[in-house]
Amino acid sequence: MNVADLMQWIAVARRHPLSALCAGVCAVCFLCCWYIYSNMKWLELEHKQITQDGDLAMASMISGPSVRQERLAALECTRRIEENLVIEENLAENLWYFYKIEQQTKVRILELRPENAIISSSRSLYKRIPFTIRATGTYAQTAAFLYALETGPRLTYIPTLMYRRVELETANPSVILELNVQMLGKK
């Protein structure tokens, strides 16, 4: 292509300006289509990422209230645990807890001894405060006593438990319940 050919194309464009304009627009559209088609993979990846981000945002908006409810429930549980922790130095209140259960279940506590607190690691937030209990009553009464200990407001762990039947010639045979109880306490 030389200068004479270029001059001839310019002359045609001057004679037919609408055709020249349409040809120019077609050339620009062709270049845009070629650019978009060559970047199709990149656009697909971008679209996929934006879709995933939108799905995550939608999921977090949907689960937001339930997460808040779960957090409030966890805070309530923690508050209830903190309120019911045993204080080792408060011996009267600790013993009264067992005597209150004794009144409710109609067993008779023969022996109730606090033991030395179990030394735990320095990282733990709580300590175990052990008690040794010996109680007597009918099987139903001692079972109710044991159930009340396990389901009461204080968090307890019973590492050892022993039932013995007392040989009496009565309609309601008695049993002796001997157990070690560890209660969760403040450090």
Protein backbone atom coordinates (compact mmCIF):
# COMPACT_ATOMS: atom_id res chain seq x y z
CA MET A 1 0.00 0.00 0.00
CA ASN A 2 1.43 3.30 -1.06
CA VAL A 3 0.45 6.96 -0.82
CA ALA A 4 -1.66 6.83 -4.01
CA ASP A 5 -3.81 4.01 -2.62
CA LEU A 6 -4.28 5.89 0.63
CA MET A 7 -5.40 9.00 -1.26
CA GLN A 8 -7.86 6.92 -3.23
CA TRP A 9 -9.40 5.51 0.06
CA ILE A 10 -9.71 9.02 1.48
CA ALA A 11 -11.51 10.14 -1.69
CA VAL A 12 -13.97 7.23 -1.38
CA ALA A 13 -14.59 8.09 2.27
CA ARG A 14 -15.32 11.73 1.32
CA ARG A 15 -17.77 10.67 -1.39
CA HIS A 16 -19.57 8.18 0.91
CA PRO A 17 -19.26 9.51 4.48
CA LEU A 18 -22.03 7.29 5.94
CA SER A 19 -20.39 4.15 4.54
CA ALA A 20 -17.04 5.24 5.95
CA LEU A 21 -18.59 5.90 9.34
CA CYS A 22 -20.30 2.46 9.35
CA ALA A 23 -17.03 0.78 8.33
CA GLY A 24 -15.23 2.57 11.19
CA VAL A 25 -17.89 1.52 13.69
CA CYS A 26 -17.68 -2.07 12.42
CA ALA A 27 -13.90 -2.02 12.86
CA VAL A 28 -14.22 -0.72 16.43
CA CYS A 29 -16.90 -3.35 17.23
CA PHE A 30 -14.70 -6.07 15.76
CA LEU A 31 -11.79 -4.97 17.99
CA CYS A 32 -14.07 -4.90 21.09
CA CYS A 33 -15.44 -8.38 20.32
CA TRP A 34 -11.92 -9.72 19.82
CA TYR A 35 -10.81 -8.19 23.17
CA ILE A 36 -13.81 -9.60 25.10
CA TYR A 37 -13.46 -13.03 23.49
CA SER A 38 -9.75 -13.18 24.30
CA ASN A 39 -10.46 -12.28 27.95
CA MET A 40 -13.42 -14.70 28.35
CA LYS A 41 -11.53 -17.02 30.77
CA TRP A 42 -10.59 -14.11 32.99
CA LEU A 43 -14.18 -12.84 32.97
CA GLU A 44 -15.51 -16.32 33.84
CA LEU A 45 -13.16 -16.54 36.82
CA GLU A 46 -14.12 -13.04 37.92
CA HIS A 47 -17.82 -13.91 37.61
CA LYS A 48 -17.34 -17.10 39.64
CA GLN A 49 -15.49 -15.20 42.40
CA ILE A 50 -18.18 -12.52 42.59
CA THR A 51 -20.88 -15.21 42.73
CA GLN A 52 -19.09 -16.99 45.59
CA ASP A 53 -18.66 -13.72 47.47
CA GLY A 54 -22.38 -13.01 47.03
CA ASP A 55 -23.30 -16.49 48.27
CA LEU A 56 -21.10 -16.06 51.35
CA ALA A 57 -22.58 -12.65 52.06
CA MET A 58 -26.09 -14.08 51.72
CA ALA A 59 -25.26 -17.02 54.03
CA SER A 60 -23.82 -14.71 56.67
CA MET A 61 -26.86 -12.45 56.46
CA ILE A 62 -29.16 -15.45 56.86
CA SER A 63 -27.17 -17.03 59.72
CA GLY A 64 -26.51 -13.75 61.54
CA PRO A 65 -29.53 -13.91 63.88
CA SER A 66 -28.92 -17.56 64.76
CA VAL A 67 -25.26 -16.84 65.55
CA ARG A 68 -26.36 -14.02 67.85
CA GLN A 69 -28.86 -16.34 69.54
CA GLU A 70 -26.22 -19.04 70.01
CA ARG A 71 -23.82 -16.48 71.47
CA LEU A 72 -26.48 -15.26 73.90
CA ALA A 73 -27.27 -18.86 74.89
CA ALA A 74 -23.56 -19.55 75.49
CA LEU A 75 -23.27 -16.39 77.61
CA GLU A 76 -26.34 -17.47 79.62
CA CYS A 77 -24.84 -20.93 80.22
CA THR A 78 -21.54 -19.40 81.30
CA ARG A 79 -23.35 -17.04 83.66
CA ARG A 80 -25.29 -19.93 85.22
CA ILE A 81 -22.09 -21.95 85.66
CA GLU A 82 -20.30 -19.00 87.27
CA GLU A 83 -23.22 -18.44 89.66
CA ASN A 84 -23.22 -22.07 90.81
CA LEU A 85 -19.50 -22.54 91.36
CA VAL A 86 -18.47 -23.77 94.79
CA ILE A 87 -16.22 -21.58 96.93
CA GLU A 88 -13.91 -23.83 98.91
CA GLU A 89 -13.64 -21.46 101.89
CA ASN A 90 -17.45 -21.25 102.25
CA LEU A 91 -17.83 -24.60 104.01
CA ALA A 92 -21.23 -23.92 105.56
CA GLU A 93 -22.87 -23.19 102.20
CA ASN A 94 -21.18 -26.20 100.59
CA LEU A 95 -22.44 -28.58 103.29
CA TRP A 96 -25.90 -26.99 103.28
CA TYR A 97 -26.21 -27.89 99.60
CA PHE A 98 -26.00 -31.60 100.50
CA TYR A 99 -28.30 -31.28 103.52
CA LYS A 100 -30.88 -29.52 101.36
CA ILE A 101 -30.84 -32.48 98.97
CA GLU A 102 -31.10 -34.77 102.01
CA GLN A 103 -34.33 -33.02 103.05
CA GLN A 104 -35.78 -33.28 99.55
CA THR A 105 -35.00 -36.98 99.04
CA LYS A 106 -35.57 -38.21 102.65
CA VAL A 107 -32.21 -39.99 102.89
CA ARG A 108 -30.15 -39.71 106.04
CA ILE A 109 -26.56 -38.51 105.64
CA LEU A 110 -24.40 -40.47 108.04
CA GLU A 111 -21.12 -38.87 107.10
CA LEU A 112 -20.21 -35.80 105.06
CA ARG A 113 -16.56 -34.77 104.88
CA PRO A 114 -14.92 -32.15 102.73
CA GLU A 115 -11.55 -33.26 101.34
CA ASN A 116 -8.54 -31.24 100.26
CA ALA A 117 -9.01 -29.56 96.91
CA ILE A 118 -7.44 -31.32 93.95
CA ILE A 119 -4.51 -29.41 92.54
CA SER A 120 -5.03 -28.79 88.85
CA SER A 121 -2.90 -27.19 86.19
CA SER A 122 -2.32 -23.46 86.37
CA ARG A 123 -4.10 -22.98 83.04
CA SER A 124 -7.48 -24.32 84.19
CA LEU A 125 -10.10 -21.79 85.18
CA TYR A 126 -11.73 -23.95 87.87
CA LYS A 127 -10.73 -26.43 90.53
CA ARG A 128 -12.34 -29.60 91.82
CA ILE A 129 -13.52 -29.61 95.42
CA PRO A 130 -14.05 -33.18 96.67
CA PHE A 131 -16.46 -34.47 99.32
CA THR A 132 -16.95 -37.93 100.80
CA ILE A 133 -20.57 -38.82 101.54
CA ARG A 134 -22.14 -41.79 103.31
CA ALA A 135 -25.93 -41.86 103.29
CA THR A 136 -28.63 -44.40 104.08
CA GLY A 137 -32.22 -44.88 103.02
CA THR A 138 -34.29 -47.03 100.75
CA TYR A 139 -33.04 -47.76 97.28
CA ALA A 140 -35.51 -45.25 95.80
CA GLN A 141 -34.43 -42.54 98.26
CA THR A 142 -30.72 -43.04 97.65
CA ALA A 143 -31.28 -43.16 93.89
CA ALA A 144 -33.23 -39.88 94.14
CA PHE A 145 -30.34 -38.41 96.20
CA LEU A 146 -27.85 -39.47 93.55
CA TYR A 147 -30.09 -38.12 90.76
CA ALA A 148 -30.45 -34.79 92.59
CA LEU A 149 -26.66 -34.52 92.89
CA GLU A 150 -26.15 -35.20 89.20
CA THR A 151 -28.89 -32.90 87.91
CA GLY A 152 -28.64 -30.11 90.48
CA PRO A 153 -27.38 -26.61 89.73
CA ARG A 154 -23.85 -27.38 90.91
CA LEU A 155 -21.59 -29.19 88.47
CA THR A 156 -20.56 -32.49 90.04
CA TYR A 157 -18.44 -35.46 89.08
CA ILE A 158 -18.78 -38.78 90.92
CA PRO A 159 -15.59 -40.82 90.49
CA THR A 160 -16.52 -43.62 92.93
CA LEU A 161 -19.84 -44.97 94.08
CA MET A 162 -20.77 -47.98 96.18
CA TYR A 163 -24.13 -49.39 97.24
CA ARG A 164 -24.43 -51.84 100.15
CA ARG A 165 -27.60 -53.46 101.36
CA VAL A 166 -28.26 -53.36 105.09
CA GLU A 167 -29.62 -56.65 106.41
CA LEU A 168 -32.79 -55.58 108.18
CA GLU A 169 -35.99 -57.51 108.47
CA THR A 170 -38.29 -54.68 107.41
CA ALA A 171 -40.68 -54.15 104.54
CA ASN A 172 -38.41 -51.49 103.01
CA PRO A 173 -34.82 -52.76 103.05
CA SER A 174 -32.22 -50.04 103.51
CA VAL A 175 -29.08 -49.46 101.54
CA ILE A 176 -25.94 -47.53 102.33
CA LEU A 177 -24.63 -45.24 99.63
CA GLU A 178 -20.96 -44.32 99.78
CA LEU A 179 -19.61 -41.93 97.18
CA ASN A 180 -16.94 -39.41 96.42
CA VAL A 181 -18.20 -36.23 94.81
CA GLN A 182 -16.07 -33.60 93.12
CA MET A 183 -17.75 -30.24 92.65
CA LEU A 184 -16.56 -27.56 90.27
CA GLY A 185 -15.28 -24.57 92.21
CA LYS A 186 -13.71 -21.17 91.78
CA LYS A 187 -9.97 -21.09 91.60
